[in-house]
């Protein structure tokens, strides 16, 4: 009887001991699955959207273009056939779609902008029907020329803005569409658009034409030795004294133009520059001022009573920006 109880007790303990151990083994041996795009997108809204983010470089895996973008996006490749389509998603706040297609050799940005405007107004441009055209403008950056259109509207009860860039070079047409859905992500929206205009470029420009080989210098003939008669009759001539050149009279510099703008107006213009943060981008300190990314030496202009005031960035720190006034030229 005692042996039976002992065996039962041992068996019970063994069962109770084996089950937790197996559970631990299963738990420890299981590899964590890589987060899905949906799971990553759910995390992205937790990142700051109303302060500038650190910038990182994205290189097209096909080697066509390069662009700097704020960190925190979820990337997905929706390429179909030979038409690349890349999507960069910042949670539910904002996304960027980059597509590439062919462009005619004589692609004209002004004519294409007019054509796109008509397509938007007639509803044949492919944008949501409730989006209306707010602005359009010709642009040129990164070795590409093109234009952008700005659309806005209320989609599904949410105010939405779409900035679409159309850029062409080397018979390639790039379409970059930034969709902004969250009013709290205004800084992130401006940072993405600013990064595009400041950094989007082709990954490899055309190679410069090879330099023509320079002709080899001709060997100079050795001077002939003078004959005995010439040496006897031709005495060495003394060099003629160089005539003294008159010193040029100093020219007075032109008078500097008088700045009609008052100190009060300059102070008003300076107070219109709104600093919202600084960061390192490409190893260089940059600042966000009036929703624009500025580097040291960049200029920024504001209008006061129909008069332009231009400031040049002289220093950037973590707490602010110092400026110099740009004088009238």
Protein backbone atom coordinates (compact mmCIF):
# COMPACT_ATOMS: atom_id res chain seq x y z
CA UNK A 1 0.00 0.00 0.00
CA UNK A 2 2.82 2.34 0.92
CA UNK A 3 4.65 1.53 -2.31
CA UNK A 4 1.49 2.25 -4.31
CA UNK A 5 1.03 5.66 -2.66
CA UNK A 6 4.68 6.49 -3.16
CA UNK A 7 4.58 5.57 -6.83
CA UNK A 8 1.36 7.56 -7.32
CA UNK A 9 2.89 10.56 -5.61
CA UNK A 10 6.03 10.36 -7.73
CA UNK A 11 3.98 9.99 -10.91
CA UNK A 12 1.84 12.97 -9.96
CA UNK A 13 4.91 15.06 -9.21
CA UNK A 14 6.50 13.98 -12.48
CA UNK A 15 3.39 14.99 -14.44
CA UNK A 16 3.22 18.31 -12.63
CA UNK A 17 6.93 18.88 -13.27
CA UNK A 18 6.96 17.85 -16.93
CA UNK A 19 4.13 20.09 -18.08
CA UNK A 20 5.67 23.41 -16.93
CA UNK A 21 9.07 22.36 -18.29
CA UNK A 22 7.61 21.61 -21.72
CA UNK A 23 5.83 24.93 -21.73
CA UNK A 24 9.08 26.70 -20.88
CA UNK A 25 10.93 24.81 -23.62
CA UNK A 26 8.33 25.68 -26.20
CA UNK A 27 8.36 29.32 -25.13
CA UNK A 28 12.16 29.59 -25.10
CA UNK A 29 12.63 27.78 -28.40
CA UNK A 30 10.11 29.84 -30.37
CA UNK A 31 11.59 32.58 -32.54
CA UNK A 32 9.92 35.98 -32.44
CA UNK A 33 8.14 36.62 -35.73
CA UNK A 34 9.17 39.77 -37.59
CA UNK A 35 6.59 42.52 -37.07
CA UNK A 36 4.22 42.97 -39.95
CA UNK A 37 3.79 46.28 -41.76
CA UNK A 38 0.48 46.77 -39.96
CA UNK A 39 2.15 46.22 -36.57
CA UNK A 40 4.93 48.64 -37.41
CA UNK A 41 2.46 51.20 -38.70
CA UNK A 42 0.59 50.95 -35.40
CA UNK A 43 3.81 51.90 -33.60
CA UNK A 44 4.76 54.78 -35.90
CA UNK A 45 2.12 57.24 -34.57
CA UNK A 46 3.88 57.05 -31.19
CA UNK A 47 6.89 58.83 -32.66
CA UNK A 48 6.88 62.63 -32.43
CA UNK A 49 4.99 64.24 -35.31
CA UNK A 50 5.12 67.88 -34.23
CA UNK A 51 8.92 68.24 -33.88
CA UNK A 52 11.63 67.66 -36.51
CA UNK A 53 12.89 64.08 -36.74
CA UNK A 54 16.37 62.86 -37.53
CA UNK A 55 16.92 62.47 -41.28
CA UNK A 56 18.30 59.35 -42.98
CA UNK A 57 19.27 58.58 -46.57
CA UNK A 58 17.17 56.19 -48.66
CA UNK A 59 18.80 54.73 -51.78
CA UNK A 60 16.61 53.18 -54.43
CA UNK A 61 17.59 49.46 -54.58
CA UNK A 62 17.42 49.70 -58.38
CA UNK A 63 20.04 52.46 -58.24
CA UNK A 64 17.90 55.17 -59.89
CA UNK A 65 17.37 57.85 -57.21
CA UNK A 66 18.36 58.96 -53.70
CA UNK A 67 16.25 60.88 -51.17
CA UNK A 68 16.65 61.93 -47.52
CA UNK A 69 13.58 61.22 -45.35
CA UNK A 70 12.64 61.62 -41.66
CA UNK A 71 13.06 58.41 -39.68
CA UNK A 72 10.12 56.31 -38.46
CA UNK A 73 8.50 55.25 -41.74
CA UNK A 74 7.35 51.77 -42.76
CA UNK A 75 8.51 50.90 -46.27
CA UNK A 76 6.65 48.68 -48.73
CA UNK A 77 7.46 47.85 -52.35
CA UNK A 78 4.37 47.67 -54.57
CA UNK A 79 6.26 47.48 -57.86
CA UNK A 80 4.33 45.93 -60.75
CA UNK A 81 6.37 44.79 -63.75
CA UNK A 82 8.87 47.45 -64.80
CA UNK A 83 7.07 50.33 -63.02
CA UNK A 84 8.54 50.83 -59.51
CA UNK A 85 6.13 51.96 -56.79
CA UNK A 86 7.45 52.58 -53.26
CA UNK A 87 5.31 53.56 -50.26
CA UNK A 88 6.68 55.18 -47.08
CA UNK A 89 4.04 55.25 -44.30
CA UNK A 90 4.19 57.25 -41.07
CA UNK A 91 1.40 55.53 -39.19
CA UNK A 92 -1.98 56.99 -40.02
CA UNK A 93 -0.61 60.56 -40.13
CA UNK A 94 1.14 60.73 -43.48
CA UNK A 95 2.44 58.68 -46.39
CA UNK A 96 4.69 59.19 -49.41
CA UNK A 97 4.27 57.27 -52.67
CA UNK A 98 7.08 57.33 -55.27
CA UNK A 99 6.46 55.92 -58.75
CA UNK A 100 8.61 55.93 -61.87
CA UNK A 101 7.69 55.72 -65.54
CA UNK A 102 8.98 56.82 -68.95
CA UNK A 103 9.13 60.46 -70.07
CA UNK A 104 9.49 61.83 -73.57
CA UNK A 105 12.82 63.41 -74.48
CA UNK A 106 11.02 66.73 -75.12
CA UNK A 107 8.95 66.58 -71.87
CA UNK A 108 8.01 70.18 -71.05
CA UNK A 109 7.10 70.97 -67.44
CA UNK A 110 4.99 74.06 -68.23
CA UNK A 111 2.88 72.23 -70.83
CA UNK A 112 2.54 69.17 -68.58
CA UNK A 113 1.45 71.32 -65.63
CA UNK A 114 -1.30 72.92 -67.71
CA UNK A 115 -2.40 69.48 -68.89
CA UNK A 116 -2.46 68.12 -65.32
CA UNK A 117 -4.52 71.11 -64.16
CA UNK A 118 -7.18 70.35 -66.76
CA UNK A 119 -7.16 66.66 -65.74
CA UNK A 120 -7.70 67.57 -62.08
CA UNK A 121 -10.57 69.92 -62.87
CA UNK A 122 -12.29 67.35 -65.10
CA UNK A 123 -11.74 64.51 -62.61
CA UNK A 124 -9.53 62.43 -64.94
CA UNK A 125 -6.26 62.84 -62.99
CA UNK A 126 -6.90 59.86 -60.72
CA UNK A 127 -7.23 61.86 -57.48
CA UNK A 128 -10.25 61.40 -55.14
CA UNK A 129 -13.24 63.31 -56.54
CA UNK A 130 -13.62 65.46 -53.41
CA UNK A 131 -10.10 66.89 -53.72
CA UNK A 132 -9.80 70.36 -55.26
CA UNK A 133 -6.74 72.11 -56.72
CA UNK A 134 -5.30 74.72 -54.32
CA UNK A 135 -1.93 75.59 -55.88
CA UNK A 136 0.41 74.67 -58.74
CA UNK A 137 3.97 75.78 -59.47
CA UNK A 138 6.97 74.93 -61.66
CA UNK A 139 9.97 73.49 -59.77
CA UNK A 140 13.54 72.41 -60.52
CA UNK A 141 15.89 70.62 -58.11
CA UNK A 142 18.31 67.70 -57.93
CA UNK A 143 19.05 67.88 -61.66
CA UNK A 144 15.35 67.37 -62.47
CA UNK A 145 12.71 69.79 -63.72
CA UNK A 146 8.97 69.56 -63.20
CA UNK A 147 6.03 70.98 -61.27
CA UNK A 148 3.85 70.31 -58.24
CA UNK A 149 0.14 70.47 -57.52
CA UNK A 150 -1.39 70.98 -54.08
CA UNK A 151 -4.86 69.56 -53.47
CA UNK A 152 -7.10 69.67 -50.40
CA UNK A 153 -10.47 68.40 -49.32
CA UNK A 154 -12.57 66.56 -46.77
CA UNK A 155 -12.30 62.79 -47.23
CA UNK A 156 -14.40 60.50 -45.03
CA UNK A 157 -14.88 63.32 -42.54
CA UNK A 158 -11.14 64.05 -42.32
CA UNK A 159 -9.32 67.10 -43.70
CA UNK A 160 -6.68 65.82 -46.14
CA UNK A 161 -3.91 67.50 -48.16
CA UNK A 162 -2.09 65.97 -51.13
CA UNK A 163 1.11 67.42 -52.56
CA UNK A 164 2.01 65.78 -55.89
CA UNK A 165 5.45 66.38 -57.49
CA UNK A 166 6.08 65.51 -61.15
CA UNK A 167 9.80 65.46 -62.04
CA UNK A 168 11.57 64.38 -65.24
CA UNK A 169 15.18 63.72 -66.25
CA UNK A 170 17.02 61.27 -68.53
CA UNK A 171 13.66 60.23 -70.07
CA UNK A 172 12.37 59.14 -66.64
CA UNK A 173 9.24 60.60 -65.00
CA UNK A 174 8.94 60.48 -61.20
CA UNK A 175 5.68 61.08 -59.36
CA UNK A 176 5.94 61.77 -55.60
CA UNK A 177 2.65 62.14 -53.73
CA UNK A 178 2.66 63.22 -50.06
CA UNK A 179 -0.71 62.64 -48.35
CA UNK A 180 -1.21 64.42 -45.02
CA UNK A 181 -4.18 63.26 -42.95
CA UNK A 182 -3.42 64.43 -39.39
CA UNK A 183 -3.43 68.12 -38.49
CA UNK A 184 -1.14 67.32 -35.53
CA UNK A 185 1.55 66.14 -37.97
CA UNK A 186 2.11 69.53 -39.59
CA UNK A 187 5.85 69.59 -38.79
CA UNK A 188 6.33 66.06 -40.13
CA UNK A 189 4.44 67.00 -43.30
CA UNK A 190 6.63 70.05 -43.91
CA UNK A 191 9.76 68.07 -43.09
CA UNK A 192 8.93 65.36 -45.65
CA UNK A 193 8.19 67.96 -48.35
CA UNK A 194 11.31 69.93 -47.45
CA UNK A 195 13.44 66.78 -47.58
CA UNK A 196 12.14 66.01 -51.07
CA UNK A 197 12.94 69.44 -52.48
CA UNK A 198 16.34 69.54 -50.73
CA UNK A 199 17.59 66.01 -51.44
CA UNK A 200 15.69 64.11 -54.17
CA UNK A 201 18.11 63.47 -57.04
CA UNK A 202 19.17 60.83 -59.53
CA UNK A 203 21.56 58.29 -58.04
CA UNK A 204 24.07 58.65 -60.89
CA UNK A 205 24.30 61.64 -63.18
CA UNK A 206 25.64 61.44 -66.71
CA UNK A 207 29.39 60.98 -66.84
CA UNK A 208 31.28 64.05 -68.09
CA UNK A 209 32.73 63.85 -71.58
CA UNK A 210 36.35 62.64 -71.54
CA UNK A 211 38.91 65.37 -71.94
CA UNK A 212 40.70 65.54 -75.26
CA UNK A 213 44.36 64.47 -74.96
CA UNK A 214 46.68 67.43 -75.05
CA UNK A 215 49.32 67.35 -77.82
CA UNK A 216 52.84 66.53 -76.62
CA UNK A 217 55.08 69.58 -76.49
CA UNK A 218 57.48 69.88 -79.43
CA UNK A 219 61.12 69.39 -78.66
CA UNK A 220 62.97 72.69 -78.90
CA UNK A 221 65.91 72.79 -81.34
CA UNK A 222 69.28 73.27 -79.72
CA UNK A 223 70.64 76.82 -80.28
CA UNK A 224 73.34 77.10 -82.90
CA UNK A 225 76.80 78.00 -81.67
CA UNK A 226 77.93 81.46 -82.94
CA UNK A 227 80.70 81.54 -85.47
CA UNK A 228 84.14 82.87 -84.54
CA UNK A 229 83.61 86.02 -86.61
CA UNK A 230 80.26 86.76 -85.00
CA UNK A 231 81.71 86.19 -81.53
CA UNK A 232 84.51 88.63 -82.31
CA UNK A 233 82.34 91.40 -83.75
CA UNK A 234 79.16 91.13 -81.70
CA UNK A 235 79.77 92.43 -78.19
CA UNK A 236 77.09 91.62 -75.59
CA UNK A 237 74.39 94.28 -75.56
CA UNK A 238 73.41 95.87 -72.31
CA UNK A 239 69.73 95.53 -71.40
CA UNK A 240 67.76 98.73 -71.85
CA UNK A 241 66.47 100.29 -68.66
CA UNK A 242 62.77 99.56 -68.20
CA UNK A 243 60.60 102.64 -68.31
CA UNK A 244 58.90 103.31 -64.98
CA UNK A 245 55.15 102.70 -65.20
CA UNK A 246 52.91 105.34 -63.66
CA UNK A 247 50.96 104.13 -60.63
CA UNK A 248 47.22 103.95 -61.27
CA UNK A 249 45.18 106.40 -59.29
CA UNK A 250 42.97 104.75 -56.65
CA UNK A 251 39.35 104.40 -57.70
CA UNK A 252 36.79 105.37 -55.08
CA UNK A 253 34.31 102.55 -54.32
CA UNK A 254 30.72 103.21 -55.39
CA UNK A 255 28.48 104.53 -52.62
CA UNK A 256 26.46 101.87 -50.81
CA UNK A 257 22.69 102.08 -51.37
CA UNK A 258 20.67 103.54 -48.53
CA UNK A 259 18.34 101.08 -46.83
CA UNK A 260 14.93 102.81 -46.50
CA UNK A 261 13.65 100.14 -44.08
CA UNK A 262 13.43 101.22 -40.44
CA UNK A 263 14.76 99.39 -37.39
CA UNK A 264 11.17 98.87 -36.26
CA UNK A 265 10.31 97.10 -39.51
CA UNK A 266 13.43 94.93 -39.25
CA UNK A 267 12.43 93.96 -35.71
CA UNK A 268 8.91 93.09 -36.87
CA UNK A 269 10.34 90.94 -39.67
CA UNK A 270 12.74 89.19 -37.26
CA UNK A 271 9.85 88.29 -34.94
CA UNK A 272 8.11 86.58 -37.88
CA UNK A 273 10.86 83.91 -38.02
CA UNK A 274 9.50 81.00 -35.96
CA UNK A 275 12.13 78.46 -34.84
CA UNK A 276 10.67 75.00 -34.06
CA UNK A 277 13.79 72.86 -33.58
CA UNK A 278 17.19 71.78 -34.87
CA UNK A 279 18.91 68.48 -35.63
CA UNK A 280 21.86 66.83 -37.40
CA UNK A 281 21.26 66.05 -41.09
CA UNK A 282 24.05 64.64 -43.23
CA UNK A 283 26.60 65.55 -40.56
CA UNK A 284 25.47 69.20 -40.59
CA UNK A 285 23.32 71.08 -38.09
CA UNK A 286 20.04 72.26 -39.63
CA UNK A 287 17.06 74.13 -38.23
CA UNK A 288 13.34 74.22 -38.92
CA UNK A 289 12.23 77.85 -39.35
CA UNK A 290 8.77 78.76 -40.66
CA UNK A 291 8.37 75.10 -41.67
CA UNK A 292 11.54 75.28 -43.82
CA UNK A 293 14.79 73.34 -43.34
CA UNK A 294 17.70 75.81 -43.19
CA UNK A 295 21.47 75.31 -43.10
CA UNK A 296 24.18 77.77 -42.14
CA UNK A 297 24.47 80.30 -44.96
CA UNK A 298 20.90 79.80 -46.22
CA UNK A 299 18.62 82.81 -46.55
CA UNK A 300 14.95 83.22 -45.64
CA UNK A 301 12.63 86.09 -46.56
CA UNK A 302 9.50 87.54 -44.94
CA UNK A 303 7.17 90.34 -46.08
CA UNK A 304 6.28 93.36 -43.93
CA UNK A 305 3.84 95.85 -45.47
CA UNK A 306 4.65 94.70 -49.02
CA UNK A 307 8.40 95.02 -48.39
CA UNK A 308 10.77 92.04 -48.42
CA UNK A 309 13.20 91.47 -45.56
CA UNK A 310 15.89 88.82 -46.11
CA UNK A 311 17.87 87.18 -43.30
CA UNK A 312 20.95 84.95 -43.68
CA UNK A 313 21.51 82.10 -41.19
CA UNK A 314 24.85 82.71 -39.40
CA UNK A 315 24.69 80.18 -36.54
CA UNK A 316 22.47 77.22 -35.56
CA UNK A 317 22.29 75.72 -32.07
CA UNK A 318 19.95 73.37 -30.23
CA UNK A 319 18.03 76.33 -28.83
CA UNK A 320 17.82 78.76 -31.70
CA UNK A 321 19.16 80.43 -34.84
CA UNK A 322 21.21 83.59 -35.30
CA UNK A 323 20.73 85.70 -38.44
CA UNK A 324 22.44 88.47 -40.37
CA UNK A 325 20.52 91.07 -42.33
CA UNK A 326 20.99 90.93 -46.08
CA UNK A 327 21.63 94.48 -47.31
CA UNK A 328 20.09 96.00 -50.40
CA UNK A 329 22.13 95.10 -53.47
